């Protein structure tokens, strides 16, 4: 599925309002920006388990911040968040 087709799917899903808020960068309702990141990735991972596609969409989202590329051990924060999100929905 293309990124555009995936966005259409996400924006027409039953929980599209939640995704749309996160897509626009609205992390209200989450205890921290990191939890908003995880929620965004889990919503996307429900439709695709492709880490590169999840990463590409996150980088276009309003939530994107420099922390995404910070190293946390062997992985970046973004790679770790994506991996955990895919595990959660699998």
N, C-alpha and C. Protein backbone atom coordinates (compact mmCIF):
# COMPACT_ATOMS: atom_id res chain seq x y z
N UNK A 1 0.85 -1.17 0.00
CA UNK A 1 0.00 0.00 0.00
C UNK A 1 0.90 1.24 0.00
N UNK A 2 0.55 2.22 -0.81
CA UNK A 2 1.34 3.45 -0.84
C UNK A 2 1.09 4.25 0.44
N UNK A 3 1.98 5.19 0.71
CA UNK A 3 1.79 6.05 1.87
C UNK A 3 0.46 6.80 1.78
N UNK A 4 0.13 7.29 0.59
CA UNK A 4 -1.11 8.04 0.42
C UNK A 4 -2.33 7.16 0.67
N UNK A 5 -2.31 5.94 0.15
CA UNK A 5 -3.42 5.01 0.38
C UNK A 5 -3.54 4.66 1.86
N UNK A 6 -2.40 4.52 2.52
CA UNK A 6 -2.41 4.23 3.96
C UNK A 6 -3.00 5.40 4.74
N UNK A 7 -2.64 6.62 4.37
CA UNK A 7 -3.21 7.80 5.03
C UNK A 7 -4.73 7.86 4.83
N UNK A 8 -5.19 7.56 3.63
CA UNK A 8 -6.63 7.54 3.38
C UNK A 8 -7.30 6.51 4.28
N UNK A 9 -6.69 5.33 4.40
CA UNK A 9 -7.23 4.27 5.25
C UNK A 9 -7.30 4.74 6.71
N UNK A 10 -6.22 5.33 7.18
CA UNK A 10 -6.15 5.79 8.58
C UNK A 10 -7.15 6.91 8.85
N UNK A 11 -7.35 7.79 7.87
CA UNK A 11 -8.24 8.92 8.06
C UNK A 11 -9.71 8.57 7.82
N UNK A 12 -9.97 7.33 7.43
CA UNK A 12 -11.37 6.90 7.28
C UNK A 12 -11.72 5.77 8.25
N UNK A 13 -10.80 5.42 9.11
CA UNK A 13 -11.03 4.35 10.09
C UNK A 13 -11.96 4.85 11.21
N UNK A 14 -12.46 3.92 11.99
CA UNK A 14 -13.36 4.26 13.11
C UNK A 14 -12.70 5.22 14.10
N UNK A 15 -11.38 5.09 14.27
CA UNK A 15 -10.65 5.95 15.21
C UNK A 15 -9.89 7.05 14.47
N UNK A 16 -10.43 7.49 13.34
CA UNK A 16 -9.74 8.48 12.51
C UNK A 16 -9.51 9.81 13.22
N UNK A 17 -10.41 10.17 14.13
CA UNK A 17 -10.24 11.44 14.85
C UNK A 17 -8.96 11.41 15.69
N UNK A 18 -8.73 10.29 16.35
CA UNK A 18 -7.51 10.14 17.15
C UNK A 18 -6.28 10.24 16.25
N UNK A 19 -6.29 9.53 15.12
CA UNK A 19 -5.15 9.58 14.21
C UNK A 19 -4.96 10.99 13.67
N UNK A 20 -6.04 11.63 13.27
CA UNK A 20 -5.93 12.98 12.69
C UNK A 20 -5.30 13.96 13.68
N UNK A 21 -5.69 13.87 14.94
CA UNK A 21 -5.08 14.76 15.96
C UNK A 21 -3.58 14.50 16.06
N UNK A 22 -3.20 13.23 16.12
CA UNK A 22 -1.77 12.91 16.21
C UNK A 22 -1.04 13.34 14.94
N UNK A 23 -1.64 13.12 13.79
CA UNK A 23 -1.05 13.50 12.52
C UNK A 23 -0.75 15.00 12.48
N UNK A 24 -1.66 15.78 13.07
CA UNK A 24 -1.49 17.24 13.10
C UNK A 24 -0.54 17.70 14.20
N UNK A 25 -0.09 16.77 15.06
CA UNK A 25 0.85 17.11 16.10
C UNK A 25 0.23 17.36 17.46
N UNK A 26 -1.04 17.05 17.60
CA UNK A 26 -1.75 17.26 18.87
C UNK A 26 -1.56 16.04 19.77
N UNK A 27 -0.72 16.19 20.78
CA UNK A 27 -0.44 15.10 21.72
C UNK A 27 -1.26 15.23 23.00
N UNK A 28 -2.25 16.14 23.00
CA UNK A 28 -3.07 16.29 24.19
C UNK A 28 -3.82 14.98 24.44
N UNK A 29 -4.01 14.67 25.70
CA UNK A 29 -4.66 13.42 26.05
C UNK A 29 -3.67 12.29 26.31
N UNK A 30 -2.39 12.55 26.06
CA UNK A 30 -1.34 11.57 26.34
C UNK A 30 -0.45 12.12 27.45
N UNK A 31 -0.01 11.25 28.35
CA UNK A 31 0.82 11.72 29.47
C UNK A 31 2.15 12.35 29.03
N UNK A 32 2.65 11.94 27.85
CA UNK A 32 3.93 12.46 27.40
C UNK A 32 3.98 12.42 25.87
N UNK A 33 4.88 13.20 25.28
CA UNK A 33 5.06 13.12 23.82
C UNK A 33 5.47 11.72 23.37
N UNK A 34 6.24 11.03 24.18
CA UNK A 34 6.67 9.67 23.82
C UNK A 34 5.48 8.73 23.72
N UNK A 35 4.51 8.88 24.60
CA UNK A 35 3.32 8.03 24.54
C UNK A 35 2.46 8.38 23.32
N UNK A 36 2.45 9.64 22.94
CA UNK A 36 1.76 10.03 21.71
C UNK A 36 2.46 9.42 20.50
N UNK A 37 3.79 9.43 20.50
CA UNK A 37 4.55 8.80 19.42
C UNK A 37 4.19 7.32 19.30
N UNK A 38 4.15 6.64 20.44
CA UNK A 38 3.84 5.21 20.46
C UNK A 38 2.42 4.96 19.95
N UNK A 39 1.48 5.81 20.33
CA UNK A 39 0.11 5.65 19.88
C UNK A 39 0.02 5.84 18.36
N UNK A 40 0.69 6.85 17.85
CA UNK A 40 0.71 7.09 16.41
C UNK A 40 1.25 5.87 15.68
N UNK A 41 2.38 5.38 16.13
CA UNK A 41 3.01 4.24 15.46
C UNK A 41 2.15 2.99 15.54
N UNK A 42 1.48 2.78 16.65
CA UNK A 42 0.60 1.61 16.79
C UNK A 42 -0.58 1.71 15.83
N UNK A 43 -1.13 2.91 15.68
CA UNK A 43 -2.25 3.08 14.74
C UNK A 43 -1.80 2.75 13.31
N UNK A 44 -0.62 3.21 12.94
CA UNK A 44 -0.11 2.94 11.60
C UNK A 44 0.26 1.46 11.46
N UNK A 45 0.89 0.90 12.49
CA UNK A 45 1.32 -0.50 12.45
C UNK A 45 0.15 -1.46 12.34
N UNK A 46 -1.03 -1.04 12.74
CA UNK A 46 -2.21 -1.89 12.59
C UNK A 46 -2.45 -2.22 11.11
N UNK A 47 -2.10 -1.28 10.22
CA UNK A 47 -2.33 -1.44 8.79
C UNK A 47 -1.09 -1.87 8.02
N UNK A 48 0.09 -1.59 8.54
CA UNK A 48 1.33 -2.02 7.88
C UNK A 48 2.36 -2.37 8.93
N UNK A 49 3.07 -3.44 8.69
CA UNK A 49 4.17 -3.84 9.58
C UNK A 49 5.51 -3.45 8.98
N UNK A 50 5.49 -2.56 8.01
CA UNK A 50 6.70 -2.12 7.34
C UNK A 50 7.34 -0.97 8.13
N UNK A 51 8.45 -1.25 8.82
CA UNK A 51 9.08 -0.19 9.63
C UNK A 51 9.45 1.05 8.82
N UNK A 52 9.89 0.87 7.58
CA UNK A 52 10.28 2.03 6.76
C UNK A 52 9.07 2.90 6.45
N UNK A 53 7.92 2.28 6.21
CA UNK A 53 6.72 3.05 5.91
C UNK A 53 6.20 3.78 7.15
N UNK A 54 6.25 3.12 8.29
CA UNK A 54 5.84 3.77 9.54
C UNK A 54 6.75 4.97 9.81
N UNK A 55 8.05 4.76 9.62
CA UNK A 55 9.03 5.83 9.83
C UNK A 55 8.75 7.01 8.89
N UNK A 56 8.50 6.72 7.63
CA UNK A 56 8.25 7.78 6.65
C UNK A 56 7.02 8.60 7.02
N UNK A 57 5.96 7.93 7.45
CA UNK A 57 4.75 8.66 7.84
C UNK A 57 4.97 9.48 9.10
N UNK A 58 5.68 8.90 10.07
CA UNK A 58 5.94 9.65 11.30
C UNK A 58 6.74 10.92 10.99
N UNK A 59 7.70 10.82 10.10
CA UNK A 59 8.52 11.97 9.75
C UNK A 59 7.71 13.08 9.08
N UNK A 60 6.59 12.74 8.49
CA UNK A 60 5.71 13.73 7.86
C UNK A 60 4.68 14.27 8.84
N UNK A 61 4.51 13.60 9.97
CA UNK A 61 3.48 13.98 10.94
C UNK A 61 3.92 15.19 11.76
N UNK A 62 2.95 15.85 12.30
CA UNK A 62 3.21 17.01 13.16
C UNK A 62 3.90 16.65 14.46
N UNK A 63 3.87 15.38 14.83
CA UNK A 63 4.53 14.94 16.07
C UNK A 63 6.04 14.89 15.94
N UNK A 64 6.57 14.83 14.72
CA UNK A 64 8.00 14.60 14.50
C UNK A 64 8.85 15.57 15.32
N UNK A 65 9.86 15.02 15.96
CA UNK A 65 10.83 15.84 16.72
C UNK A 65 12.20 15.19 16.60
N UNK A 66 13.22 15.96 16.91
CA UNK A 66 14.60 15.50 16.73
C UNK A 66 14.92 14.25 17.55
N UNK A 67 14.21 14.03 18.64
CA UNK A 67 14.44 12.86 19.47
C UNK A 67 14.31 11.57 18.66
N UNK A 68 13.52 11.59 17.61
CA UNK A 68 13.25 10.41 16.79
C UNK A 68 14.55 9.74 16.34
N UNK A 69 15.56 10.53 16.05
CA UNK A 69 16.83 10.01 15.53
C UNK A 69 17.91 9.82 16.60
N UNK A 70 17.58 10.06 17.86
CA UNK A 70 18.57 9.88 18.94
C UNK A 70 18.83 8.40 19.17
N UNK A 71 20.09 8.08 19.41
CA UNK A 71 20.48 6.70 19.69
C UNK A 71 20.10 6.35 21.12
N UNK A 72 19.53 5.17 21.27
CA UNK A 72 19.21 4.59 22.58
C UNK A 72 19.76 3.18 22.55
N UNK A 73 21.04 3.05 22.88
CA UNK A 73 21.70 1.75 22.76
C UNK A 73 21.93 1.44 21.29
N UNK A 74 21.52 0.26 20.86
CA UNK A 74 21.77 -0.19 19.49
C UNK A 74 20.77 0.39 18.49
N UNK A 75 19.68 1.00 18.97
CA UNK A 75 18.63 1.52 18.09
C UNK A 75 18.43 3.01 18.31
N UNK A 76 17.80 3.63 17.35
CA UNK A 76 17.35 5.00 17.57
C UNK A 76 16.03 4.94 18.34
N UNK A 77 15.66 6.05 18.92
CA UNK A 77 14.37 6.13 19.61
C UNK A 77 13.24 5.77 18.65
N UNK A 78 13.32 6.26 17.42
CA UNK A 78 12.28 5.98 16.43
C UNK A 78 12.19 4.50 16.09
N UNK A 79 13.33 3.87 15.84
CA UNK A 79 13.34 2.44 15.51
C UNK A 79 12.78 1.62 16.66
N UNK A 80 13.13 1.98 17.87
CA UNK A 80 12.64 1.27 19.06
C UNK A 80 11.12 1.44 19.18
N UNK A 81 10.63 2.65 18.97
CA UNK A 81 9.20 2.91 19.06
C UNK A 81 8.43 2.13 18.00
N UNK A 82 8.95 2.11 16.79
CA UNK A 82 8.31 1.36 15.70
C UNK A 82 8.32 -0.14 16.01
N UNK A 83 9.45 -0.66 16.44
CA UNK A 83 9.56 -2.09 16.74
C UNK A 83 8.54 -2.49 17.80
N UNK A 84 8.45 -1.72 18.86
CA UNK A 84 7.50 -2.03 19.95
C UNK A 84 6.06 -1.93 19.46
N UNK A 85 5.78 -0.98 18.60
CA UNK A 85 4.42 -0.81 18.07
C UNK A 85 4.01 -1.99 17.20
N UNK A 86 4.92 -2.46 16.38
CA UNK A 86 4.63 -3.62 15.54
C UNK A 86 4.41 -4.85 16.41
N UNK A 87 5.23 -5.02 17.44
CA UNK A 87 5.06 -6.15 18.37
C UNK A 87 3.69 -6.07 19.06
N UNK A 88 3.27 -4.88 19.39
CA UNK A 88 2.00 -4.68 20.09
C UNK A 88 0.80 -5.11 19.25
N UNK A 89 0.83 -4.82 17.98
CA UNK A 89 -0.32 -5.12 17.11
C UNK A 89 -0.23 -6.47 16.42
N UNK A 90 0.90 -7.15 16.56
CA UNK A 90 1.06 -8.46 15.88
C UNK A 90 0.42 -9.58 16.64
